[in-house]
Amino acid sequence: MTKGLKLSWELSGSGWATCCIEDGSSERKDIVSYCTDALADLLHGVAGLYGSTPVQRFSFDLEPAEVRWVLRNRGSQVDLSIYRFPDMYASFDAPDREGTRVWASTQPRGLLGHVVVEAAQSVLRIHGEDGYRAKWVQHPFPVAALQDLRRLHLQHDSCDLQHAAAVS
C-alpha cells in the first residue's frame, strides 16, 4: 500500500507506454511515445530530487503534444505539477506557465521515490531487458537509472513500505 500515491508504467504497444499517476483524489494518464527516453527521464528526474538542484523538469512526447513534469523539492515534500503543451517541439523552450497545468499533488519525497522505483521494477520483471527493448524500440531499459534511484531512495528515505527485491 502506498498511502494513496500510485504510479504505473505499462508498455502498450511498439513504441508506446501508458503512464498513470494518482494520489487518491485525482489521476493523470498519458500515452507516451518512444521519441524520448521517457522512463529513464522519469527515473533521472526523481533521482535528481536527492541532489542540490531544487527543481527537476522532464517531458514526455505524446506526439505531437508534450506533458512536462515539474518536481519542486520542499524539504521532505515534493510539489509535483504536470503541464500540457499542444506541440512538443514548439514548446521546447517555453516556460511552464505557457502550458496548461493538468495535474498537481504534494507528496513525501520518499513515497514518490518508492512508487517510481516499484513501477520501473515492475516493467523490468514483466518484460526483461530484451522484451523492453523489443517494445520500446529506440531505447534500452534504463538499468543504471533504476539502480541509482533505488540506491538513493533506500539510503536517504525512511520508507516503511515493503520493497521488492532489486531486479538487475
N, C-alpha and C. Protein backbone atom coordinates (compact mmCIF):
# COMPACT_ATOMS: atom_id res chain seq x y z
N MET A 1 0.85 -1.18 0.00
CA MET A 1 0.00 0.00 0.00
C MET A 1 0.89 1.24 0.00
N THR A 2 0.55 2.22 -0.80
CA THR A 2 1.38 3.40 -0.93
C THR A 2 0.67 4.67 -0.48
N LYS A 3 -0.17 4.58 0.52
CA LYS A 3 -0.78 5.77 1.15
C LYS A 3 -1.41 6.70 0.13
N GLY A 4 -2.00 6.16 -0.93
CA GLY A 4 -2.72 6.97 -1.89
C GLY A 4 -1.97 7.32 -3.15
N LEU A 5 -0.64 7.36 -3.13
CA LEU A 5 0.11 7.68 -4.35
C LEU A 5 0.39 6.38 -5.10
N LYS A 6 0.03 6.39 -6.37
CA LYS A 6 0.28 5.23 -7.23
C LYS A 6 0.84 5.72 -8.56
N LEU A 7 1.74 4.92 -9.10
CA LEU A 7 2.28 5.21 -10.42
C LEU A 7 2.37 3.89 -11.17
N SER A 8 1.91 3.89 -12.39
CA SER A 8 2.09 2.70 -13.23
C SER A 8 2.67 3.13 -14.57
N TRP A 9 3.49 2.22 -15.12
CA TRP A 9 4.12 2.42 -16.41
C TRP A 9 3.95 1.10 -17.15
N GLU A 10 3.12 1.12 -18.18
CA GLU A 10 2.82 -0.12 -18.90
C GLU A 10 3.12 0.06 -20.38
N LEU A 11 3.94 -0.83 -20.90
CA LEU A 11 4.21 -0.81 -22.34
C LEU A 11 2.93 -1.25 -23.03
N SER A 12 2.46 -0.43 -23.95
CA SER A 12 1.14 -0.69 -24.54
C SER A 12 1.19 -0.93 -26.03
N GLY A 13 2.35 -1.12 -26.58
CA GLY A 13 2.48 -1.37 -28.00
C GLY A 13 3.89 -1.02 -28.42
N SER A 14 4.18 -1.18 -29.66
CA SER A 14 5.52 -0.88 -30.15
C SER A 14 5.75 0.62 -30.10
N GLY A 15 6.61 1.04 -29.15
CA GLY A 15 6.95 2.45 -29.03
C GLY A 15 5.97 3.27 -28.22
N TRP A 16 5.10 2.64 -27.45
CA TRP A 16 4.12 3.36 -26.65
C TRP A 16 4.05 2.80 -25.24
N ALA A 17 3.82 3.69 -24.28
CA ALA A 17 3.61 3.28 -22.90
C ALA A 17 2.49 4.12 -22.31
N THR A 18 1.77 3.53 -21.38
CA THR A 18 0.75 4.26 -20.65
C THR A 18 1.31 4.57 -19.27
N CYS A 19 1.38 5.85 -18.96
CA CYS A 19 1.85 6.32 -17.65
C CYS A 19 0.65 6.86 -16.90
N CYS A 20 0.42 6.33 -15.71
CA CYS A 20 -0.70 6.79 -14.90
C CYS A 20 -0.20 7.11 -13.50
N ILE A 21 -0.51 8.31 -13.03
CA ILE A 21 -0.18 8.70 -11.66
C ILE A 21 -1.47 9.15 -11.00
N GLU A 22 -1.67 8.71 -9.75
CA GLU A 22 -2.85 9.12 -9.00
C GLU A 22 -2.48 9.27 -7.53
N ASP A 23 -3.21 10.16 -6.87
CA ASP A 23 -2.88 10.47 -5.48
C ASP A 23 -4.04 10.26 -4.51
N GLY A 24 -5.06 9.55 -4.92
CA GLY A 24 -6.21 9.32 -4.06
C GLY A 24 -7.33 10.30 -4.29
N SER A 25 -7.02 11.46 -4.88
CA SER A 25 -8.08 12.42 -5.18
C SER A 25 -8.16 12.76 -6.66
N SER A 26 -7.06 12.55 -7.39
CA SER A 26 -7.08 12.82 -8.83
C SER A 26 -6.08 11.90 -9.53
N GLU A 27 -6.26 11.80 -10.84
CA GLU A 27 -5.44 10.89 -11.64
C GLU A 27 -5.07 11.57 -12.95
N ARG A 28 -3.88 11.23 -13.45
CA ARG A 28 -3.43 11.69 -14.76
C ARG A 28 -2.91 10.49 -15.53
N LYS A 29 -3.41 10.31 -16.74
CA LYS A 29 -2.97 9.20 -17.58
C LYS A 29 -2.58 9.75 -18.94
N ASP A 30 -1.39 9.34 -19.41
CA ASP A 30 -0.91 9.76 -20.72
C ASP A 30 -0.38 8.56 -21.48
N ILE A 31 -0.54 8.61 -22.79
CA ILE A 31 0.04 7.62 -23.69
C ILE A 31 1.32 8.26 -24.23
N VAL A 32 2.45 7.70 -23.81
CA VAL A 32 3.77 8.29 -24.01
C VAL A 32 4.48 7.61 -25.18
N SER A 33 5.15 8.40 -26.01
CA SER A 33 5.87 7.91 -27.18
C SER A 33 7.33 7.62 -26.87
N TYR A 34 7.91 6.74 -27.66
CA TYR A 34 9.32 6.39 -27.54
C TYR A 34 10.25 7.42 -28.16
N CYS A 35 9.71 8.53 -28.62
CA CYS A 35 10.56 9.57 -29.22
C CYS A 35 11.54 10.17 -28.21
N THR A 36 11.22 10.02 -26.92
CA THR A 36 12.17 10.38 -25.88
C THR A 36 12.39 9.13 -25.02
N ASP A 37 13.44 9.13 -24.25
CA ASP A 37 13.72 8.01 -23.36
C ASP A 37 12.95 8.24 -22.05
N ALA A 38 11.64 8.18 -22.15
CA ALA A 38 10.73 8.67 -21.12
C ALA A 38 10.92 8.01 -19.75
N LEU A 39 11.02 6.70 -19.69
CA LEU A 39 11.17 6.04 -18.39
C LEU A 39 12.50 6.45 -17.74
N ALA A 40 13.55 6.51 -18.52
CA ALA A 40 14.85 6.96 -17.99
C ALA A 40 14.75 8.40 -17.50
N ASP A 41 14.03 9.25 -18.24
CA ASP A 41 13.88 10.65 -17.83
C ASP A 41 13.13 10.75 -16.50
N LEU A 42 12.11 9.93 -16.33
CA LEU A 42 11.37 9.89 -15.06
C LEU A 42 12.29 9.47 -13.91
N LEU A 43 13.05 8.40 -14.11
CA LEU A 43 13.96 7.92 -13.07
C LEU A 43 15.03 8.95 -12.73
N HIS A 44 15.63 9.57 -13.75
CA HIS A 44 16.65 10.61 -13.52
C HIS A 44 16.05 11.83 -12.82
N GLY A 45 14.84 12.21 -13.22
CA GLY A 45 14.19 13.37 -12.62
C GLY A 45 13.93 13.18 -11.14
N VAL A 46 13.42 12.01 -10.77
CA VAL A 46 13.15 11.75 -9.35
C VAL A 46 14.48 11.61 -8.59
N ALA A 47 15.46 10.96 -9.20
CA ALA A 47 16.78 10.83 -8.55
C ALA A 47 17.39 12.21 -8.30
N GLY A 48 17.14 13.14 -9.20
CA GLY A 48 17.68 14.49 -9.04
C GLY A 48 17.17 15.20 -7.79
N LEU A 49 16.03 14.76 -7.25
CA LEU A 49 15.49 15.35 -6.03
C LEU A 49 16.37 15.08 -4.82
N TYR A 50 17.27 14.11 -4.93
CA TYR A 50 18.17 13.77 -3.83
C TYR A 50 19.45 14.61 -3.87
N GLY A 51 19.58 15.46 -4.88
CA GLY A 51 20.76 16.31 -5.01
C GLY A 51 20.47 17.73 -4.57
N SER A 52 21.29 18.65 -5.05
CA SER A 52 21.19 20.04 -4.60
C SER A 52 20.31 20.92 -5.49
N THR A 53 19.85 20.38 -6.62
CA THR A 53 19.00 21.17 -7.51
C THR A 53 17.54 21.03 -7.06
N PRO A 54 16.92 22.13 -6.64
CA PRO A 54 15.59 22.03 -6.03
C PRO A 54 14.44 21.75 -7.00
N VAL A 55 14.65 21.97 -8.30
CA VAL A 55 13.58 21.75 -9.28
C VAL A 55 14.09 20.82 -10.37
N GLN A 56 13.30 19.81 -10.67
CA GLN A 56 13.61 18.87 -11.74
C GLN A 56 12.49 18.96 -12.79
N ARG A 57 12.88 18.97 -14.06
CA ARG A 57 11.91 19.01 -15.15
C ARG A 57 12.26 17.94 -16.17
N PHE A 58 11.24 17.29 -16.69
CA PHE A 58 11.41 16.37 -17.81
C PHE A 58 10.08 16.29 -18.54
N SER A 59 10.15 15.90 -19.79
CA SER A 59 8.96 15.89 -20.64
C SER A 59 8.75 14.53 -21.28
N PHE A 60 7.49 14.24 -21.54
CA PHE A 60 7.11 13.06 -22.30
C PHE A 60 6.47 13.55 -23.60
N ASP A 61 6.86 12.91 -24.69
CA ASP A 61 6.32 13.22 -26.01
C ASP A 61 5.05 12.40 -26.20
N LEU A 62 3.94 13.09 -26.48
CA LEU A 62 2.67 12.41 -26.74
C LEU A 62 2.35 12.40 -28.23
N GLU A 63 3.25 12.93 -29.03
CA GLU A 63 3.10 13.01 -30.49
C GLU A 63 1.75 13.56 -30.90
N PRO A 64 1.57 14.82 -31.05
CA PRO A 64 2.59 15.86 -31.03
C PRO A 64 2.68 16.60 -29.70
N ALA A 65 1.74 16.37 -28.80
CA ALA A 65 1.70 17.14 -27.55
C ALA A 65 2.86 16.76 -26.63
N GLU A 66 3.08 17.62 -25.63
CA GLU A 66 4.09 17.39 -24.60
C GLU A 66 3.40 17.46 -23.24
N VAL A 67 3.80 16.57 -22.33
CA VAL A 67 3.49 16.77 -20.92
C VAL A 67 4.82 16.94 -20.22
N ARG A 68 4.91 18.03 -19.46
CA ARG A 68 6.14 18.37 -18.75
C ARG A 68 5.89 18.18 -17.25
N TRP A 69 6.70 17.34 -16.64
CA TRP A 69 6.64 17.14 -15.20
C TRP A 69 7.61 18.12 -14.54
N VAL A 70 7.13 18.81 -13.54
CA VAL A 70 7.96 19.73 -12.77
C VAL A 70 7.89 19.29 -11.31
N LEU A 71 9.05 18.93 -10.77
CA LEU A 71 9.14 18.44 -9.39
C LEU A 71 9.91 19.48 -8.58
N ARG A 72 9.26 20.02 -7.55
CA ARG A 72 9.90 21.03 -6.70
C ARG A 72 10.13 20.44 -5.32
N ASN A 73 11.38 20.36 -4.94
CA ASN A 73 11.78 19.83 -3.64
C ASN A 73 11.46 20.85 -2.56
N ARG A 74 10.70 20.47 -1.57
CA ARG A 74 10.34 21.35 -0.45
C ARG A 74 10.66 20.61 0.86
N GLY A 75 11.96 20.40 1.10
CA GLY A 75 12.36 19.63 2.28
C GLY A 75 12.04 18.17 2.08
N SER A 76 11.19 17.62 2.92
CA SER A 76 10.81 16.21 2.79
C SER A 76 9.64 16.02 1.84
N GLN A 77 9.06 17.12 1.35
CA GLN A 77 7.91 17.07 0.45
C GLN A 77 8.33 17.47 -0.96
N VAL A 78 7.55 16.99 -1.94
CA VAL A 78 7.77 17.35 -3.34
C VAL A 78 6.45 17.84 -3.91
N ASP A 79 6.48 19.02 -4.50
CA ASP A 79 5.33 19.52 -5.25
C ASP A 79 5.47 19.01 -6.68
N LEU A 80 4.51 18.22 -7.13
CA LEU A 80 4.52 17.68 -8.49
C LEU A 80 3.48 18.43 -9.30
N SER A 81 3.87 18.93 -10.45
CA SER A 81 2.93 19.55 -11.38
C SER A 81 3.19 18.98 -12.76
N ILE A 82 2.12 18.72 -13.49
CA ILE A 82 2.23 18.26 -14.87
C ILE A 82 1.55 19.31 -15.74
N TYR A 83 2.30 19.80 -16.72
CA TYR A 83 1.80 20.81 -17.65
C TYR A 83 1.68 20.19 -19.03
N ARG A 84 0.62 20.54 -19.74
CA ARG A 84 0.41 20.04 -21.09
C ARG A 84 0.61 21.18 -22.08
N PHE A 85 1.35 20.88 -23.15
CA PHE A 85 1.59 21.81 -24.24
C PHE A 85 1.10 21.14 -25.52
N PRO A 86 0.54 21.89 -26.46
CA PRO A 86 -0.03 21.28 -27.65
C PRO A 86 1.00 20.67 -28.61
N ASP A 87 2.23 21.16 -28.59
CA ASP A 87 3.24 20.67 -29.53
C ASP A 87 4.60 20.56 -28.84
N MET A 88 5.12 19.36 -28.76
CA MET A 88 6.37 19.09 -28.05
C MET A 88 7.51 19.96 -28.56
N TYR A 89 7.62 20.12 -29.87
CA TYR A 89 8.77 20.81 -30.42
C TYR A 89 8.59 22.32 -30.43
N ALA A 90 7.37 22.81 -30.49
CA ALA A 90 7.13 24.24 -30.42
C ALA A 90 7.28 24.75 -28.99
N SER A 91 7.09 23.87 -28.00
CA SER A 91 7.12 24.30 -26.60
C SER A 91 8.45 23.99 -25.92
N PHE A 92 9.44 23.55 -26.66
CA PHE A 92 10.70 23.09 -26.09
C PHE A 92 11.29 24.06 -25.07
N ASP A 93 11.34 25.34 -25.40
CA ASP A 93 11.92 26.35 -24.51
C ASP A 93 10.87 27.17 -23.78
N ALA A 94 9.61 26.82 -23.93
CA ALA A 94 8.53 27.60 -23.32
C ALA A 94 8.55 27.47 -21.80
N PRO A 95 8.30 28.58 -21.09
CA PRO A 95 8.20 28.48 -19.63
C PRO A 95 6.98 27.64 -19.23
N ASP A 96 7.04 27.07 -18.05
CA ASP A 96 5.95 26.21 -17.58
C ASP A 96 4.60 26.92 -17.66
N ARG A 97 4.55 28.19 -17.32
CA ARG A 97 3.29 28.93 -17.26
C ARG A 97 2.57 29.01 -18.61
N GLU A 98 3.29 28.74 -19.70
CA GLU A 98 2.65 28.76 -21.02
C GLU A 98 1.89 27.46 -21.30
N GLY A 99 2.13 26.45 -20.49
CA GLY A 99 1.37 25.21 -20.60
C GLY A 99 0.13 25.26 -19.72
N THR A 100 -0.70 24.26 -19.85
CA THR A 100 -1.89 24.13 -19.01
C THR A 100 -1.58 23.13 -17.92
N ARG A 101 -1.70 23.54 -16.66
CA ARG A 101 -1.45 22.59 -15.58
C ARG A 101 -2.62 21.62 -15.54
N VAL A 102 -2.31 20.32 -15.74
CA VAL A 102 -3.35 19.31 -15.83
C VAL A 102 -3.38 18.37 -14.63
N TRP A 103 -2.38 18.45 -13.76
CA TRP A 103 -2.36 17.61 -12.57
C TRP A 103 -1.36 18.19 -11.59
N ALA A 104 -1.68 18.13 -10.30
CA ALA A 104 -0.76 18.61 -9.28
C ALA A 104 -1.01 17.85 -7.98
N SER A 105 0.04 17.67 -7.21
CA SER A 105 -0.06 16.99 -5.93
C SER A 105 1.20 17.31 -5.13
N THR A 106 1.10 17.22 -3.83
CA THR A 106 2.27 17.32 -2.96
C THR A 106 2.40 16.01 -2.22
N GLN A 107 3.61 15.42 -2.28
CA GLN A 107 3.84 14.10 -1.72
C GLN A 107 5.18 14.05 -1.01
N PRO A 108 5.34 13.15 -0.05
CA PRO A 108 6.66 12.94 0.54
C PRO A 108 7.64 12.44 -0.53
N ARG A 109 8.86 12.96 -0.50
CA ARG A 109 9.86 12.53 -1.47
C ARG A 109 10.08 11.02 -1.41
N GLY A 110 10.12 10.46 -0.22
CA GLY A 110 10.32 9.02 -0.08
C GLY A 110 9.23 8.20 -0.72
N LEU A 111 8.01 8.65 -0.62
CA LEU A 111 6.89 7.94 -1.24
C LEU A 111 6.97 8.02 -2.76
N LEU A 112 7.30 9.21 -3.27
CA LEU A 112 7.46 9.37 -4.72
C LEU A 112 8.59 8.48 -5.22
N GLY A 113 9.74 8.52 -4.54
CA GLY A 113 10.85 7.65 -4.94
C GLY A 113 10.45 6.19 -4.93
N HIS A 114 9.71 5.78 -3.91
CA HIS A 114 9.28 4.39 -3.79
C HIS A 114 8.40 3.96 -4.96
N VAL A 115 7.36 4.74 -5.26
CA VAL A 115 6.42 4.32 -6.31
C VAL A 115 7.07 4.33 -7.69
N VAL A 116 8.02 5.24 -7.92
CA VAL A 116 8.71 5.27 -9.21
C VAL A 116 9.63 4.05 -9.35
N VAL A 117 10.36 3.72 -8.30
CA VAL A 117 11.21 2.51 -8.32
C VAL A 117 10.35 1.28 -8.56
N GLU A 118 9.26 1.15 -7.83
CA GLU A 118 8.39 -0.02 -7.97
C GLU A 118 7.80 -0.13 -9.37
N ALA A 119 7.38 0.98 -9.96
CA ALA A 119 6.81 0.95 -11.31
C ALA A 119 7.85 0.50 -12.33
N ALA A 120 9.07 1.03 -12.22
CA ALA A 120 10.12 0.64 -13.17
C ALA A 120 10.52 -0.82 -12.98
N GLN A 121 10.62 -1.25 -11.72
CA GLN A 121 10.96 -2.67 -11.48
C GLN A 121 9.87 -3.59 -12.01
N SER A 122 8.62 -3.18 -11.93
CA SER A 122 7.53 -3.97 -12.47
C SER A 122 7.67 -4.15 -13.98
N VAL A 123 8.01 -3.07 -14.68
CA VAL A 123 8.23 -3.15 -16.13
C VAL A 123 9.35 -4.14 -16.44
N LEU A 124 10.43 -4.06 -15.67
CA LEU A 124 11.57 -4.95 -15.90
C LEU A 124 11.21 -6.41 -15.60
N ARG A 125 10.45 -6.63 -14.53
CA ARG A 125 10.01 -8.01 -14.21
C ARG A 125 9.13 -8.59 -15.30
N ILE A 126 8.23 -7.79 -15.81
CA ILE A 126 7.28 -8.27 -16.82
C ILE A 126 7.96 -8.53 -18.16
N HIS A 127 8.82 -7.61 -18.60
CA HIS A 127 9.35 -7.66 -19.96
C HIS A 127 10.80 -8.10 -20.05
N GLY A 128 11.59 -7.91 -18.99
CA GLY A 128 13.02 -8.14 -19.08
C GLY A 128 13.65 -7.08 -19.97
N GLU A 129 14.97 -7.03 -19.97
CA GLU A 129 15.65 -6.01 -20.78
C GLU A 129 15.41 -6.20 -22.28
N ASP A 130 15.46 -7.46 -22.75
CA ASP A 130 15.26 -7.71 -24.17
C ASP A 130 13.83 -7.41 -24.61
N GLY A 131 12.87 -7.81 -23.79
CA GLY A 131 11.47 -7.54 -24.11
C GLY A 131 11.15 -6.06 -24.11
N TYR A 132 11.75 -5.34 -23.17
CA TYR A 132 11.57 -3.89 -23.12
C TYR A 132 12.10 -3.26 -24.41
N ARG A 133 13.31 -3.63 -24.79
CA ARG A 133 13.93 -3.06 -25.99
C ARG A 133 13.10 -3.39 -27.24
N ALA A 134 12.56 -4.61 -27.29
CA ALA A 134 11.73 -5.00 -28.43
C ALA A 134 10.47 -4.14 -28.53
N LYS A 135 9.88 -3.79 -27.38
CA LYS A 135 8.66 -2.98 -27.39
C LYS A 135 8.94 -1.48 -27.46
N TRP A 136 9.97 -1.02 -26.73
CA TRP A 136 10.25 0.42 -26.66
C TRP A 136 11.07 0.88 -27.86
N VAL A 137 11.76 -0.02 -28.51
CA VAL A 137 12.45 0.14 -29.78
C VAL A 137 13.66 1.08 -29.73
N GLN A 138 13.46 2.35 -29.45
CA GLN A 138 14.52 3.35 -29.58
C GLN A 138 15.54 3.33 -28.44
N HIS A 139 15.15 2.82 -27.27
CA HIS A 139 16.00 2.94 -26.10
C HIS A 139 16.00 1.65 -25.29
N PRO A 140 17.15 1.28 -24.72
CA PRO A 140 17.19 0.10 -23.84
C PRO A 140 16.56 0.42 -22.48
N PHE A 141 16.27 -0.62 -21.71
CA PHE A 141 15.75 -0.40 -20.37
C PHE A 141 16.80 0.35 -19.56
N PRO A 142 16.40 1.39 -18.81
CA PRO A 142 17.36 2.21 -18.06
C PRO A 142 17.80 1.56 -16.74
N VAL A 143 18.56 0.51 -16.84
CA VAL A 143 19.00 -0.25 -15.66
C VAL A 143 19.78 0.63 -14.69
N ALA A 144 20.77 1.37 -15.19
CA ALA A 144 21.60 2.19 -14.30
C ALA A 144 20.77 3.26 -13.60
N ALA A 145 19.83 3.87 -14.31
CA ALA A 145 18.99 4.90 -13.70
C ALA A 145 18.11 4.31 -12.61
N LEU A 146 17.58 3.11 -12.84
CA LEU A 146 16.77 2.44 -11.82
C LEU A 146 17.62 2.10 -10.60
N GLN A 147 18.80 1.55 -10.82
CA GLN A 147 19.68 1.21 -9.70
C GLN A 147 20.07 2.45 -8.90
N ASP A 148 20.32 3.55 -9.60
CA ASP A 148 20.71 4.79 -8.93
C ASP A 148 19.57 5.32 -8.06
N LEU A 149 18.35 5.38 -8.62
CA LEU A 149 17.22 5.88 -7.83
C LEU A 149 16.93 4.95 -6.66
N ARG A 150 16.97 3.65 -6.88
CA ARG A 150 16.72 2.70 -5.78
C ARG A 150 17.75 2.92 -4.65
N ARG A 151 19.02 3.07 -5.01
CA ARG A 151 20.07 3.29 -4.01
C ARG A 151 19.82 4.57 -3.23
N LEU A 152 19.51 5.66 -3.93
CA LEU A 152 19.27 6.94 -3.27
C LEU A 152 18.05 6.86 -2.35
N HIS A 153 17.00 6.24 -2.83
CA HIS A 153 15.77 6.10 -2.03
C HIS A 153 16.05 5.32 -0.75
N LEU A 154 16.71 4.18 -0.86
CA LEU A 154 16.97 3.37 0.32
C LEU A 154 17.97 4.03 1.26
N GLN A 155 18.90 4.80 0.72
CA GLN A 155 19.92 5.47 1.53
C GLN A 155 19.37 6.68 2.28
N HIS A 156 18.46 7.44 1.67
CA HIS A 156 18.07 8.73 2.22
C HIS A 156 16.66 8.80 2.80
N ASP A 157 15.80 7.87 2.46
CA ASP A 157 14.41 7.95 2.91
C ASP A 157 14.13 6.94 3.99
N SER A 158 13.37 7.35 4.96
CA SER A 158 12.89 6.41 5.98
C SER A 158 11.57 5.86 5.46
N CYS A 159 11.66 4.84 4.62
CA CYS A 159 10.49 4.30 3.95
C CYS A 159 10.01 3.05 4.69
N ASP A 160 8.77 3.09 5.16
CA ASP A 160 8.18 1.97 5.88
C ASP A 160 7.53 0.96 4.95
N LEU A 161 7.49 1.25 3.66
CA LEU A 161 6.82 0.36 2.71
C LEU A 161 7.70 -0.83 2.37
N GLN A 162 7.03 -1.90 1.96
CA GLN A 162 7.76 -3.10 1.57
C GLN A 162 8.48 -2.83 0.25
N HIS A 163 9.69 -3.33 0.14
CA HIS A 163 10.48 -3.16 -1.08
C HIS A 163 10.69 -4.51 -1.75
N ALA A 164 10.39 -4.53 -3.04
CA ALA A 164 10.62 -5.73 -3.82
C ALA A 164 12.13 -5.94 -3.95
N ALA A 165 12.52 -7.15 -4.19
CA ALA A 165 13.94 -7.43 -4.42
C ALA A 165 14.40 -6.67 -5.65
N ALA A 166 15.61 -6.20 -5.61
CA ALA A 166 16.17 -5.47 -6.74
C ALA A 166 16.24 -6.39 -7.94
N VAL A 167 15.91 -5.86 -9.09
CA VAL A 167 15.98 -6.61 -10.35
C VAL A 167 17.12 -6.00 -11.14
N SER A 168 18.00 -6.84 -11.63
CA SER A 168 19.10 -6.30 -12.42
C SER A 168 19.32 -7.09 -13.66
